[in-house]
N, C-alpha and C. Protein backbone atom coordinates (compact mmCIF):
# COMPACT_ATOMS: atom_id res chain seq x y z
N MET A 1 -13.50 -8.63 8.12
CA MET A 1 -13.49 -7.27 7.61
C MET A 1 -12.10 -7.02 6.87
N TYR A 2 -12.25 -6.56 5.68
CA TYR A 2 -11.04 -6.20 4.86
C TYR A 2 -10.69 -4.72 5.02
N THR A 3 -9.39 -4.43 4.97
CA THR A 3 -8.99 -3.09 5.04
C THR A 3 -8.10 -2.87 3.71
N LEU A 4 -8.45 -1.84 2.96
CA LEU A 4 -7.78 -1.46 1.78
C LEU A 4 -7.07 -0.14 2.03
N TYR A 5 -5.78 -0.11 1.85
CA TYR A 5 -4.90 1.13 1.98
C TYR A 5 -4.55 1.64 0.64
N GLY A 6 -4.57 2.96 0.48
CA GLY A 6 -4.22 3.57 -0.82
C GLY A 6 -4.53 5.04 -0.87
N ILE A 7 -4.58 5.50 -2.09
CA ILE A 7 -4.84 6.87 -2.43
C ILE A 7 -6.04 6.85 -3.32
N PRO A 8 -7.17 7.51 -3.01
CA PRO A 8 -8.37 7.43 -3.80
C PRO A 8 -8.24 7.73 -5.31
N ASN A 9 -7.39 8.61 -5.67
CA ASN A 9 -7.38 8.99 -7.12
C ASN A 9 -6.42 8.06 -7.92
N CYS A 10 -5.85 7.04 -7.26
CA CYS A 10 -4.92 6.07 -7.98
C CYS A 10 -5.81 5.16 -8.77
N ASP A 11 -5.51 4.92 -10.04
CA ASP A 11 -6.28 4.12 -10.94
C ASP A 11 -6.32 2.62 -10.36
N THR A 12 -5.23 2.12 -9.89
CA THR A 12 -5.21 0.82 -9.36
C THR A 12 -6.12 0.70 -8.17
N VAL A 13 -6.06 1.64 -7.28
CA VAL A 13 -6.86 1.65 -6.11
C VAL A 13 -8.35 1.69 -6.49
N LYS A 14 -8.67 2.52 -7.53
CA LYS A 14 -10.03 2.61 -8.00
C LYS A 14 -10.56 1.17 -8.53
N LYS A 15 -9.60 0.55 -9.23
CA LYS A 15 -10.07 -0.82 -9.79
C LYS A 15 -10.28 -1.78 -8.60
N ALA A 16 -9.47 -1.82 -7.61
CA ALA A 16 -9.56 -2.66 -6.45
C ALA A 16 -10.92 -2.36 -5.69
N ARG A 17 -11.19 -1.05 -5.44
CA ARG A 17 -12.34 -0.70 -4.67
C ARG A 17 -13.60 -1.08 -5.50
N ALA A 18 -13.59 -0.83 -6.80
CA ALA A 18 -14.74 -1.25 -7.61
C ALA A 18 -15.00 -2.68 -7.59
N TYR A 19 -13.93 -3.49 -7.64
CA TYR A 19 -14.10 -4.93 -7.61
C TYR A 19 -14.66 -5.35 -6.27
N LEU A 20 -14.10 -4.83 -5.19
CA LEU A 20 -14.60 -5.20 -3.87
C LEU A 20 -16.12 -4.80 -3.66
N ASP A 21 -16.36 -3.59 -4.13
CA ASP A 21 -17.75 -3.11 -3.99
C ASP A 21 -18.75 -3.99 -4.76
N LYS A 22 -18.32 -4.37 -5.92
CA LYS A 22 -19.16 -5.14 -6.76
C LYS A 22 -19.50 -6.52 -6.11
N ARG A 23 -18.58 -7.01 -5.42
CA ARG A 23 -18.71 -8.34 -4.69
C ARG A 23 -19.31 -8.10 -3.32
N HIS A 24 -19.68 -6.92 -2.97
CA HIS A 24 -20.24 -6.57 -1.66
C HIS A 24 -19.48 -7.10 -0.49
N LEU A 25 -18.15 -6.97 -0.56
CA LEU A 25 -17.30 -7.37 0.49
C LEU A 25 -17.12 -6.18 1.46
N PRO A 26 -17.21 -6.44 2.79
CA PRO A 26 -17.09 -5.36 3.79
C PRO A 26 -15.65 -4.85 3.78
N ILE A 27 -15.43 -3.60 3.43
CA ILE A 27 -14.12 -3.03 3.43
C ILE A 27 -14.07 -1.74 4.18
N SER A 28 -12.96 -1.51 4.71
CA SER A 28 -12.64 -0.21 5.34
C SER A 28 -11.57 0.39 4.51
N PHE A 29 -11.73 1.57 3.98
CA PHE A 29 -10.72 2.22 3.20
C PHE A 29 -9.93 3.16 3.96
N VAL A 30 -8.61 3.09 3.92
CA VAL A 30 -7.71 4.00 4.57
C VAL A 30 -6.89 4.77 3.55
N ASP A 31 -7.29 6.14 3.53
CA ASP A 31 -6.68 7.01 2.61
C ASP A 31 -5.28 7.49 3.16
N PHE A 32 -4.21 7.14 2.45
CA PHE A 32 -2.91 7.51 2.86
C PHE A 32 -2.75 9.05 3.06
N LYS A 33 -3.43 9.85 2.25
CA LYS A 33 -3.29 11.26 2.34
C LYS A 33 -3.97 11.79 3.61
N LYS A 34 -5.05 11.17 4.09
CA LYS A 34 -5.73 11.69 5.33
C LYS A 34 -5.27 10.98 6.55
N ASN A 35 -4.79 9.73 6.36
CA ASN A 35 -4.25 8.88 7.51
C ASN A 35 -2.98 8.24 7.13
N PRO A 36 -1.92 8.94 7.20
CA PRO A 36 -0.64 8.37 6.76
C PRO A 36 -0.32 7.06 7.53
N PRO A 37 0.34 6.08 6.90
CA PRO A 37 0.67 4.89 7.62
C PRO A 37 1.58 5.19 8.79
N GLN A 38 1.58 4.28 9.76
CA GLN A 38 2.40 4.40 10.97
C GLN A 38 3.61 3.44 10.75
N LYS A 39 4.61 3.61 11.63
CA LYS A 39 5.79 2.78 11.58
C LYS A 39 5.42 1.29 11.63
N ILE A 40 4.51 0.95 12.50
CA ILE A 40 4.09 -0.52 12.66
C ILE A 40 3.45 -1.06 11.29
N ASP A 41 2.72 -0.15 10.57
CA ASP A 41 2.16 -0.59 9.31
C ASP A 41 3.30 -0.91 8.28
N ILE A 42 4.19 0.04 8.19
CA ILE A 42 5.29 -0.16 7.20
C ILE A 42 6.04 -1.37 7.57
N GLU A 43 6.39 -1.61 8.82
CA GLU A 43 7.07 -2.80 9.23
C GLU A 43 6.34 -4.09 8.88
N ARG A 44 5.01 -4.09 9.10
CA ARG A 44 4.13 -5.31 8.77
C ARG A 44 4.19 -5.50 7.28
N TRP A 45 4.04 -4.47 6.52
CA TRP A 45 4.00 -4.62 5.05
C TRP A 45 5.40 -5.04 4.53
N ALA A 46 6.50 -4.51 5.14
CA ALA A 46 7.78 -4.88 4.74
C ALA A 46 8.09 -6.30 4.91
N ASP A 47 7.62 -6.90 6.14
CA ASP A 47 7.74 -8.30 6.34
C ASP A 47 6.96 -9.10 5.30
N ALA A 48 5.74 -8.66 5.01
CA ALA A 48 4.94 -9.41 4.04
C ALA A 48 5.51 -9.31 2.60
N PHE A 49 6.00 -8.18 2.32
CA PHE A 49 6.55 -7.76 0.94
C PHE A 49 7.92 -8.35 0.70
N GLY A 50 8.65 -8.62 1.75
CA GLY A 50 10.07 -9.04 1.69
C GLY A 50 11.00 -7.96 1.41
N GLY A 51 10.65 -6.78 1.95
CA GLY A 51 11.44 -5.56 1.74
C GLY A 51 10.50 -4.36 1.86
N MET A 52 11.05 -3.22 1.79
CA MET A 52 10.15 -2.02 1.89
C MET A 52 9.13 -2.03 0.77
N PRO A 53 7.88 -1.81 1.13
CA PRO A 53 6.77 -1.91 0.12
C PRO A 53 6.79 -0.68 -0.79
N VAL A 54 7.75 -0.56 -1.62
CA VAL A 54 7.90 0.62 -2.52
C VAL A 54 7.47 0.29 -3.82
N ASN A 55 6.72 1.27 -4.46
CA ASN A 55 6.35 1.19 -5.87
C ASN A 55 7.48 1.75 -6.67
N THR A 56 8.38 0.87 -7.08
CA THR A 56 9.59 1.25 -7.80
C THR A 56 9.29 1.77 -9.21
N LYS A 57 8.08 1.54 -9.69
CA LYS A 57 7.74 2.08 -11.06
C LYS A 57 7.13 3.45 -10.98
N GLY A 58 6.78 3.92 -9.79
CA GLY A 58 6.13 5.14 -9.66
C GLY A 58 7.01 6.39 -9.73
N SER A 59 6.40 7.54 -10.07
CA SER A 59 7.28 8.78 -10.29
C SER A 59 7.84 9.27 -8.91
N THR A 60 7.19 9.01 -7.85
CA THR A 60 7.70 9.48 -6.54
C THR A 60 8.99 8.77 -6.22
N TYR A 61 8.94 7.48 -6.45
CA TYR A 61 10.16 6.67 -6.21
C TYR A 61 11.35 7.09 -7.15
N LYS A 62 10.97 7.25 -8.34
CA LYS A 62 12.03 7.65 -9.42
C LYS A 62 12.62 9.00 -9.05
N LYS A 63 11.84 9.92 -8.51
CA LYS A 63 12.27 11.23 -8.21
C LYS A 63 13.22 11.18 -7.00
N HIS A 64 12.87 10.29 -6.07
CA HIS A 64 13.70 10.25 -4.82
C HIS A 64 14.55 8.94 -4.64
N GLN A 65 14.65 8.23 -5.68
CA GLN A 65 15.31 6.91 -5.64
C GLN A 65 16.71 6.99 -4.94
N THR A 66 17.61 7.88 -5.47
CA THR A 66 18.96 7.94 -4.91
C THR A 66 18.95 8.28 -3.37
N GLN A 67 18.16 9.31 -3.03
CA GLN A 67 18.10 9.65 -1.71
C GLN A 67 17.52 8.58 -0.77
N PHE A 68 16.44 7.93 -1.28
CA PHE A 68 15.81 6.76 -0.51
C PHE A 68 16.74 5.63 -0.27
N GLU A 69 17.44 5.26 -1.33
CA GLU A 69 18.30 4.07 -1.21
C GLU A 69 19.41 4.25 -0.29
N LYS A 70 19.88 5.46 -0.06
CA LYS A 70 21.01 5.72 0.84
C LYS A 70 20.64 5.77 2.35
N LEU A 71 19.26 5.75 2.60
CA LEU A 71 18.79 5.85 3.99
C LEU A 71 18.90 4.47 4.69
N THR A 72 18.97 4.55 6.02
CA THR A 72 18.86 3.37 6.79
C THR A 72 17.44 2.87 6.77
N PRO A 73 17.23 1.59 7.15
CA PRO A 73 15.88 1.06 7.06
C PRO A 73 14.88 1.90 7.97
N GLY A 74 15.38 2.38 9.13
CA GLY A 74 14.56 3.16 9.99
C GLY A 74 14.18 4.54 9.32
N ASP A 75 15.14 5.06 8.64
CA ASP A 75 14.89 6.34 7.98
C ASP A 75 14.10 6.19 6.69
N GLN A 76 14.17 5.01 6.06
CA GLN A 76 13.33 4.71 4.99
C GLN A 76 11.89 4.60 5.41
N ILE A 77 11.66 4.05 6.56
CA ILE A 77 10.24 3.98 7.04
C ILE A 77 9.71 5.40 7.26
N LYS A 78 10.53 6.26 7.92
CA LYS A 78 10.12 7.65 8.12
C LYS A 78 9.82 8.35 6.80
N PHE A 79 10.65 8.07 5.76
CA PHE A 79 10.47 8.65 4.47
C PHE A 79 9.20 8.19 3.81
N LEU A 80 8.90 6.92 3.98
CA LEU A 80 7.60 6.38 3.39
C LEU A 80 6.43 6.98 4.06
N ILE A 81 6.55 7.19 5.41
CA ILE A 81 5.37 7.80 6.12
C ILE A 81 5.11 9.22 5.61
N ALA A 82 6.23 9.93 5.37
CA ALA A 82 6.09 11.25 4.84
C ALA A 82 5.78 11.36 3.33
N ASN A 83 6.11 10.33 2.63
CA ASN A 83 5.81 10.30 1.17
C ASN A 83 5.05 8.99 0.82
N SER A 84 3.84 8.91 1.35
CA SER A 84 3.08 7.68 1.23
C SER A 84 2.71 7.37 -0.21
N SER A 85 2.78 8.31 -1.17
CA SER A 85 2.52 8.00 -2.57
C SER A 85 3.54 7.12 -3.13
N MET A 86 4.61 6.91 -2.44
CA MET A 86 5.73 6.01 -2.87
C MET A 86 5.49 4.50 -2.53
N ILE A 87 4.44 4.28 -1.70
CA ILE A 87 4.15 2.96 -1.25
C ILE A 87 3.42 2.20 -2.33
N LYS A 88 3.78 0.96 -2.53
CA LYS A 88 2.97 0.17 -3.52
C LYS A 88 1.51 0.04 -3.03
N ARG A 89 0.58 0.22 -3.94
CA ARG A 89 -0.78 0.25 -3.57
C ARG A 89 -1.64 -0.33 -4.61
N PRO A 90 -2.86 -0.69 -4.25
CA PRO A 90 -3.37 -0.70 -2.92
C PRO A 90 -2.78 -1.87 -2.15
N ILE A 91 -2.94 -1.81 -0.78
CA ILE A 91 -2.61 -2.97 0.06
C ILE A 91 -3.88 -3.42 0.65
N LEU A 92 -4.14 -4.71 0.50
CA LEU A 92 -5.31 -5.35 1.04
C LEU A 92 -5.00 -6.22 2.12
N GLU A 93 -5.68 -6.06 3.30
CA GLU A 93 -5.41 -6.87 4.52
C GLU A 93 -6.84 -7.42 4.96
N LYS A 94 -6.72 -8.52 5.63
CA LYS A 94 -7.82 -9.01 6.35
C LYS A 94 -7.31 -9.39 7.76
N ASN A 95 -8.00 -8.76 8.76
CA ASN A 95 -7.68 -8.87 10.17
C ASN A 95 -6.16 -8.71 10.38
N GLY A 96 -5.58 -7.62 9.80
CA GLY A 96 -4.22 -7.23 10.02
C GLY A 96 -3.19 -8.11 9.24
N LYS A 97 -3.63 -9.07 8.40
CA LYS A 97 -2.76 -9.87 7.58
C LYS A 97 -2.82 -9.49 6.14
N VAL A 98 -1.63 -9.21 5.56
CA VAL A 98 -1.59 -8.76 4.16
C VAL A 98 -2.06 -9.89 3.20
N ILE A 99 -2.91 -9.53 2.35
CA ILE A 99 -3.43 -10.47 1.31
C ILE A 99 -2.82 -10.15 -0.01
N SER A 100 -2.71 -8.86 -0.36
CA SER A 100 -2.28 -8.42 -1.72
C SER A 100 -1.59 -7.04 -1.58
N PHE A 101 -0.61 -6.93 -2.43
CA PHE A 101 0.06 -5.62 -2.80
C PHE A 101 -0.33 -5.34 -4.27
N GLY A 102 -0.93 -4.29 -4.50
CA GLY A 102 -1.36 -3.95 -5.85
C GLY A 102 -2.73 -4.68 -6.07
N TYR A 103 -3.26 -4.49 -7.26
CA TYR A 103 -4.55 -5.13 -7.61
C TYR A 103 -4.26 -6.28 -8.56
N ASP A 104 -4.55 -7.49 -8.00
CA ASP A 104 -4.36 -8.70 -8.75
C ASP A 104 -5.75 -9.41 -8.76
N GLU A 105 -6.42 -9.35 -9.94
CA GLU A 105 -7.83 -9.88 -9.95
C GLU A 105 -7.82 -11.40 -9.56
N GLU A 106 -6.81 -12.08 -9.86
CA GLU A 106 -6.80 -13.57 -9.53
C GLU A 106 -6.80 -13.70 -7.94
N ILE A 107 -6.02 -12.80 -7.31
CA ILE A 107 -6.04 -12.93 -5.76
C ILE A 107 -7.44 -12.45 -5.28
N PHE A 108 -7.87 -11.28 -5.83
CA PHE A 108 -9.14 -10.74 -5.32
C PHE A 108 -10.33 -11.70 -5.63
N SER A 109 -10.29 -12.48 -6.69
CA SER A 109 -11.37 -13.35 -6.95
C SER A 109 -11.50 -14.42 -6.00
N LYS A 110 -10.52 -14.67 -5.17
CA LYS A 110 -10.58 -15.74 -4.16
C LYS A 110 -11.06 -15.34 -2.85
N LEU A 111 -11.40 -14.00 -2.75
CA LEU A 111 -11.86 -13.52 -1.47
C LEU A 111 -13.29 -13.94 -1.12
């Protein structure tokens, strides 16, 4: 079972969901707005990402960049939980293991 994390109105999330649906892959979608990530999620993603899983190109990050960068790692996690639109998305996992950050058709085609 695959789990896809993101925000439903995000274009990149829409592309990923459409691709997975087209291939009839079993997915569970977790909407950050209805079910914010937990500390353990952010930590798992940070380990896989090699740092905080932040969308540095997004408007939320740009708006809060200075504030976010000054925070300790623990406070950055709390900030990401409260501001989930700042997380790079979608995040695709299988059985709790991160497969992809963002939508990469090359990675998705290997599922």
